[in-house]
Amino acid sequence: MTLSFDSIKKLMKLDPADYDFVIPDVNKALCNLVLLSSTPQRPIPEQEQVNHAINAYKRIKQPEMWAHWVREQMDDCLRNCITSIQTFLNSAVEKYNQIKSEQDGQFNAASTTIQEDIVAMFAAKTAKKGTKRKSDVKAEQEAQPEPKKPPFLRHFKHSTAPDAPLYQVGDSKEWDGVTYYFCDAPTHRDKVRWHRHPPDNCNVRKRYLAKKNANEPNAEANVVDDTPDDATQATQVSSAAAQDSDIASLLASALVLAPDDNVRNVLNNTISVITDM
């Protein structure tokens, strides 16, 4: 009983690729498995044997002539047009031989379709080119020597002496065949002052100067104009005249009430001075 069950499993999984797609050998293996799978109590019907044969044959996806023939046999099987297993196996061998004769004695079979082969070919080609893994790229970068940098990148004056002159915009230096230009903008990353591009092309310097100019007060706007205009002058003169008139009136009232000639003389002189202004 165990042998029968094992044979049935093998019969259901029969793959022509295990027999190099040689149909006569596939048929022989199928007949042996059918014999081993049958028991006196349950012999395998011929229609079921035909189904097992078709299941094995349809695993062959190429050549297309064979796959097309198998599809036709599946339709006939559904219509119960195939009744003899031996006749069906013989027709399979005939188709096999016909294809070989048309392909110079070769039965170029495969378990995959042409479309699947094309997809697999492109996938393999892409994988071969493939992008490098991040770990590989990082390892390569670490293995590469870091480019040398000039020792004066952060220098802003000619020497370390306290009274050393400062570098100016327009100064340049040659180092390792490359020209470096001084930039006076203090906002560069890591306080770098020397760059390969001229300061006129430095975007960091442009932003720094724009911000600096925006923060500086306008000197002309802050100058106070102390010169009064004509209307102001006229108002000031009129106000002064009114004040003098009021003072003169008060002095005149005081003159009337003066107790003696000395006081009246002082008041008269004062009124004269005010009226003459």
Protein backbone atom coordinates (compact mmCIF):
# COMPACT_ATOMS: atom_id res chain seq x y z
CA MET A 1 0.00 0.00 0.00
CA THR A 2 2.84 2.41 0.88
CA LEU A 3 4.55 1.62 -2.44
CA SER A 4 1.31 2.44 -4.26
CA PHE A 5 0.95 5.80 -2.54
CA ASP A 6 4.54 6.73 -3.30
CA SER A 7 4.10 5.76 -6.94
CA ILE A 8 0.96 7.86 -7.24
CA LYS A 9 2.84 10.89 -5.87
CA LYS A 10 5.66 10.34 -8.36
CA LEU A 11 3.13 9.88 -11.16
CA MET A 12 1.48 13.22 -10.33
CA LYS A 13 4.89 14.98 -10.25
CA LEU A 14 6.34 13.29 -13.34
CA ASP A 15 8.64 15.82 -15.01
CA PRO A 16 10.00 15.22 -18.54
CA ALA A 17 13.10 17.25 -17.61
CA ASP A 18 14.20 14.32 -15.46
CA TYR A 19 14.40 12.27 -18.67
CA ASP A 20 16.05 14.94 -20.83
CA PHE A 21 12.68 15.58 -22.55
CA VAL A 22 12.92 12.30 -24.47
CA ILE A 23 9.24 11.46 -24.93
CA PRO A 24 9.68 7.68 -25.36
CA ASP A 25 11.55 7.57 -22.04
CA VAL A 26 8.89 9.74 -20.42
CA ASN A 27 6.19 7.38 -21.65
CA LYS A 28 8.07 4.36 -20.32
CA ALA A 29 8.40 5.97 -16.88
CA LEU A 30 4.72 6.88 -16.93
CA CYS A 31 3.65 3.31 -17.72
CA ASN A 32 5.86 1.94 -14.92
CA LEU A 33 4.41 4.38 -12.38
CA VAL A 34 0.86 3.56 -13.49
CA LEU A 35 1.59 -0.13 -12.99
CA LEU A 36 3.04 0.47 -9.52
CA SER A 37 0.18 2.79 -8.56
CA SER A 38 -2.57 0.35 -9.51
CA THR A 39 -3.97 -2.20 -7.11
CA PRO A 40 -6.37 -5.11 -7.71
CA GLN A 41 -9.00 -3.18 -5.76
CA ARG A 42 -8.39 0.09 -7.65
CA PRO A 43 -6.90 -0.09 -11.13
CA ILE A 44 -6.21 3.35 -12.69
CA PRO A 45 -8.72 4.06 -15.49
CA GLU A 46 -7.35 4.92 -18.92
CA GLN A 47 -8.90 8.39 -18.83
CA GLU A 48 -7.02 9.12 -15.62
CA GLN A 49 -3.83 7.78 -17.19
CA VAL A 50 -4.35 10.19 -20.11
CA ASN A 51 -4.70 13.05 -17.62
CA HIS A 52 -1.42 12.08 -15.95
CA ALA A 53 0.30 11.96 -19.35
CA ILE A 54 -1.05 15.41 -20.32
CA ASN A 55 0.06 16.84 -16.96
CA ALA A 56 3.58 15.58 -17.69
CA TYR A 57 3.59 16.76 -21.30
CA LYS A 58 2.38 20.30 -20.49
CA ARG A 59 5.44 20.85 -18.32
CA ILE A 60 7.34 21.13 -21.62
CA LYS A 61 6.89 24.81 -22.61
CA GLN A 62 9.23 24.71 -25.61
CA PRO A 63 9.30 24.17 -28.52
CA GLU A 64 6.08 26.05 -29.22
CA MET A 65 4.96 23.36 -31.70
CA TRP A 66 4.91 20.83 -28.87
CA ALA A 67 3.17 23.21 -26.43
CA HIS A 68 0.52 23.97 -29.05
CA TRP A 69 -0.08 20.24 -29.67
CA VAL A 70 -0.47 19.61 -25.92
CA ARG A 71 -3.08 22.39 -25.67
CA GLU A 72 -5.04 20.73 -28.45
CA GLN A 73 -4.88 17.37 -26.62
CA MET A 74 -6.16 19.02 -23.45
CA ASP A 75 -9.20 20.28 -25.37
CA ASP A 76 -9.80 16.80 -26.82
CA CYS A 77 -9.49 15.29 -23.36
CA LEU A 78 -12.16 17.65 -22.00
CA ARG A 79 -14.45 16.53 -24.84
CA ASN A 80 -13.67 12.88 -24.02
CA CYS A 81 -12.21 12.38 -27.50
CA ILE A 82 -9.18 10.48 -26.13
CA THR A 83 -10.18 7.04 -24.89
CA SER A 84 -7.05 4.89 -25.32
CA ILE A 85 -3.90 5.64 -23.31
CA GLN A 86 -1.67 3.64 -25.64
CA THR A 87 -2.96 5.45 -28.73
CA PHE A 88 -2.39 8.76 -26.99
CA LEU A 89 1.18 7.84 -25.98
CA ASN A 90 1.91 6.72 -29.55
CA SER A 91 0.60 10.04 -30.93
CA ALA A 92 2.91 11.88 -28.52
CA VAL A 93 5.92 9.93 -29.82
CA GLU A 94 4.86 10.70 -33.42
CA LYS A 95 4.66 14.45 -32.63
CA TYR A 96 8.02 14.26 -30.90
CA ASN A 97 9.66 12.64 -33.93
CA GLN A 98 8.00 15.11 -36.30
CA ILE A 99 9.42 18.09 -34.42
CA LYS A 100 12.88 16.50 -34.33
CA SER A 101 12.80 15.94 -38.08
CA GLU A 102 11.89 19.59 -38.65
CA GLN A 103 14.63 20.81 -36.32
CA ASP A 104 17.58 18.87 -37.68
CA GLY A 105 17.11 15.95 -35.35
CA GLN A 106 16.91 18.18 -32.25
CA PHE A 107 14.07 18.45 -29.78
CA ASN A 108 15.06 21.73 -28.14
CA ALA A 109 12.77 21.42 -25.18
CA ALA A 110 12.61 23.59 -22.08
CA SER A 111 10.46 23.89 -18.98
CA THR A 112 10.14 27.66 -19.50
CA THR A 113 8.52 29.76 -22.19
CA ILE A 114 10.45 32.03 -24.54
CA GLN A 115 9.07 35.05 -22.71
CA GLU A 116 10.31 33.69 -19.39
CA ASP A 117 13.74 33.04 -20.88
CA ILE A 118 13.94 36.64 -22.16
CA VAL A 119 12.96 38.03 -18.77
CA ALA A 120 15.51 35.81 -17.04
CA MET A 121 18.20 36.86 -19.51
CA PHE A 122 17.60 40.56 -18.89
CA ALA A 123 17.45 39.99 -15.13
CA ALA A 124 20.78 38.20 -15.21
CA LYS A 125 22.31 40.96 -17.33
CA THR A 126 21.02 43.63 -14.96
CA ALA A 127 22.25 41.72 -11.93
CA LYS A 128 25.67 41.35 -13.53
CA LYS A 129 25.91 45.11 -14.11
CA GLY A 130 24.06 45.78 -10.86
CA THR A 131 24.60 48.67 -8.59
CA LYS A 132 27.15 48.23 -5.87
CA ARG A 133 26.01 47.73 -2.35
CA LYS A 134 26.36 50.65 0.02
CA SER A 135 28.85 48.71 2.12
CA ASP A 136 31.01 48.09 -0.96
CA VAL A 137 30.88 51.74 -2.00
CA LYS A 138 31.78 52.84 1.52
CA ALA A 139 34.69 50.40 1.63
CA GLU A 140 36.00 51.73 -1.69
CA GLN A 141 35.71 55.31 -0.49
CA GLU A 142 37.59 54.50 2.69
CA ALA A 143 40.29 52.72 0.69
CA GLN A 144 40.84 55.75 -1.54
CA PRO A 145 43.31 58.29 -0.15
CA GLU A 146 41.77 61.58 0.88
CA PRO A 147 42.86 64.43 -1.43
CA LYS A 148 45.50 66.71 0.06
CA LYS A 149 44.42 70.15 1.21
CA PRO A 150 46.64 73.22 1.37
CA PRO A 151 47.80 74.09 4.90
CA PHE A 152 46.78 77.75 4.56
CA LEU A 153 43.03 77.31 4.04
CA ARG A 154 42.14 79.09 7.30
CA HIS A 155 44.93 81.71 7.25
CA PHE A 156 43.64 85.29 7.25
CA LYS A 157 46.99 87.07 7.74
CA HIS A 158 50.53 86.65 6.43
CA SER A 159 52.01 85.23 9.63
CA THR A 160 51.22 84.51 13.26
CA ALA A 161 52.84 87.75 14.42
CA PRO A 162 50.36 90.12 16.16
CA ASP A 163 51.17 92.95 13.74
CA ALA A 164 51.19 90.74 10.61
CA PRO A 165 49.27 92.31 7.69
CA LEU A 166 45.91 90.81 6.81
CA TYR A 167 45.21 89.18 3.48
CA GLN A 168 43.03 91.22 1.15
CA VAL A 169 40.45 90.32 -1.47
CA GLY A 170 42.40 89.77 -4.67
CA ASP A 171 45.24 87.84 -3.02
CA SER A 172 45.90 84.40 -4.48
CA LYS A 173 48.23 81.46 -3.96
CA GLU A 174 49.37 78.51 -6.06
CA TRP A 175 49.40 75.10 -4.42
CA ASP A 176 49.85 71.73 -6.10
CA GLY A 177 49.08 73.27 -9.48
CA VAL A 178 45.80 74.83 -8.29
CA THR A 179 45.11 78.54 -7.72
CA TYR A 180 43.43 79.49 -4.44
CA TYR A 181 41.79 82.89 -3.83
CA PHE A 182 41.36 84.69 -0.52
CA CYS A 183 37.80 85.49 0.57
CA ASP A 184 37.07 87.94 3.38
CA ALA A 185 33.68 86.48 4.28
CA PRO A 186 33.91 85.00 7.82
CA THR A 187 30.82 82.87 7.36
CA HIS A 188 32.40 80.00 5.42
CA ARG A 189 32.12 76.53 6.95
CA ASP A 190 35.08 75.68 9.20
CA LYS A 191 36.30 79.29 8.79
CA VAL A 192 37.92 78.47 5.46
CA ARG A 193 39.29 81.62 3.80
CA TRP A 194 40.96 80.25 0.66
CA HIS A 195 38.94 78.76 -2.19
CA ARG A 196 39.39 77.66 -5.77
CA HIS A 197 36.86 80.20 -7.05
CA PRO A 198 37.44 84.00 -7.04
CA PRO A 199 35.63 85.96 -4.33
CA ASP A 200 33.44 87.69 -6.93
CA ASN A 201 31.93 84.27 -7.70
CA CYS A 202 31.48 83.31 -4.04
CA ASN A 203 27.80 83.01 -3.11
CA VAL A 204 28.63 82.85 0.60
CA ARG A 205 30.40 86.19 0.36
CA LYS A 206 27.52 87.74 -1.60
CA ARG A 207 25.02 86.72 1.09
CA TYR A 208 27.35 87.96 3.83
CA LEU A 209 27.79 91.40 2.21
CA ALA A 210 24.06 91.74 1.52
CA LYS A 211 23.22 90.98 5.15
CA LYS A 212 25.96 93.29 6.39
CA ASN A 213 24.75 96.20 4.26
CA ALA A 214 21.17 95.63 5.38
CA ASN A 215 22.16 95.83 9.05
CA GLU A 216 24.26 99.03 8.75
CA PRO A 217 22.32 102.28 9.56
CA ASN A 218 22.01 104.97 6.89
CA ALA A 219 24.28 107.82 8.01
CA GLU A 220 22.52 110.45 5.90
CA ALA A 221 19.13 109.42 7.25
CA ASN A 222 20.34 109.93 10.84
CA VAL A 223 21.68 113.52 10.36
CA VAL A 224 19.43 116.05 12.14
CA ASP A 225 18.73 119.16 10.08
CA ASP A 226 19.08 122.06 12.50
CA THR A 227 18.30 124.72 9.91
CA PRO A 228 14.69 125.91 10.37
CA ASP A 229 12.58 126.58 7.32
CA ASP A 230 10.91 129.95 6.55
CA ALA A 231 7.61 129.07 8.20
CA THR A 232 9.37 128.03 11.39
CA GLN A 233 11.41 131.19 11.46
CA ALA A 234 8.31 133.34 10.99
CA THR A 235 6.53 131.50 13.78
CA GLN A 236 9.50 131.94 16.10
CA VAL A 237 9.73 135.70 15.33
CA SER A 238 6.00 136.21 15.86
CA SER A 239 6.12 134.32 19.14
CA ALA A 240 9.08 136.40 20.38
CA ALA A 241 7.33 139.66 19.45
CA ALA A 242 4.21 138.63 21.33
CA GLN A 243 6.30 137.80 24.38
CA ASP A 244 8.04 141.21 24.25
CA SER A 245 4.68 142.98 23.96
CA ASP A 246 3.32 141.21 27.01
CA ILE A 247 6.42 142.14 29.02
CA ALA A 248 6.12 145.77 27.95
CA SER A 249 2.47 145.85 29.02
CA LEU A 250 3.36 144.49 32.44
CA LEU A 251 6.10 147.04 32.85
CA ALA A 252 3.73 149.84 31.86
CA SER A 253 1.30 148.75 34.57
CA ALA A 254 4.12 148.67 37.05
CA LEU A 255 5.16 152.17 35.96
CA VAL A 256 1.78 153.56 37.01
CA LEU A 257 2.16 152.03 40.43
CA ALA A 258 5.80 153.15 40.91
CA PRO A 259 6.30 154.76 44.35
CA ASP A 260 9.05 157.22 43.35
CA ASP A 261 10.97 158.71 40.42
CA ASN A 262 13.91 156.31 40.63
CA VAL A 263 11.71 153.29 40.08
CA ARG A 264 9.84 155.01 37.28
CA ASN A 265 13.16 155.82 35.52
CA VAL A 266 14.27 152.17 35.69
CA LEU A 267 10.94 150.98 34.32
CA ASN A 268 11.00 153.51 31.46
CA ASN A 269 14.51 152.42 30.42
CA THR A 270 13.45 148.77 30.46
CA ILE A 271 10.36 149.45 28.34
CA SER A 272 12.50 151.39 25.85
CA VAL A 273 14.93 148.50 25.49
CA ILE A 274 12.13 145.98 24.89
CA THR A 275 10.32 148.08 22.31
CA ASP A 276 13.57 148.65 20.39
CA MET A 277 14.25 144.83 19.97
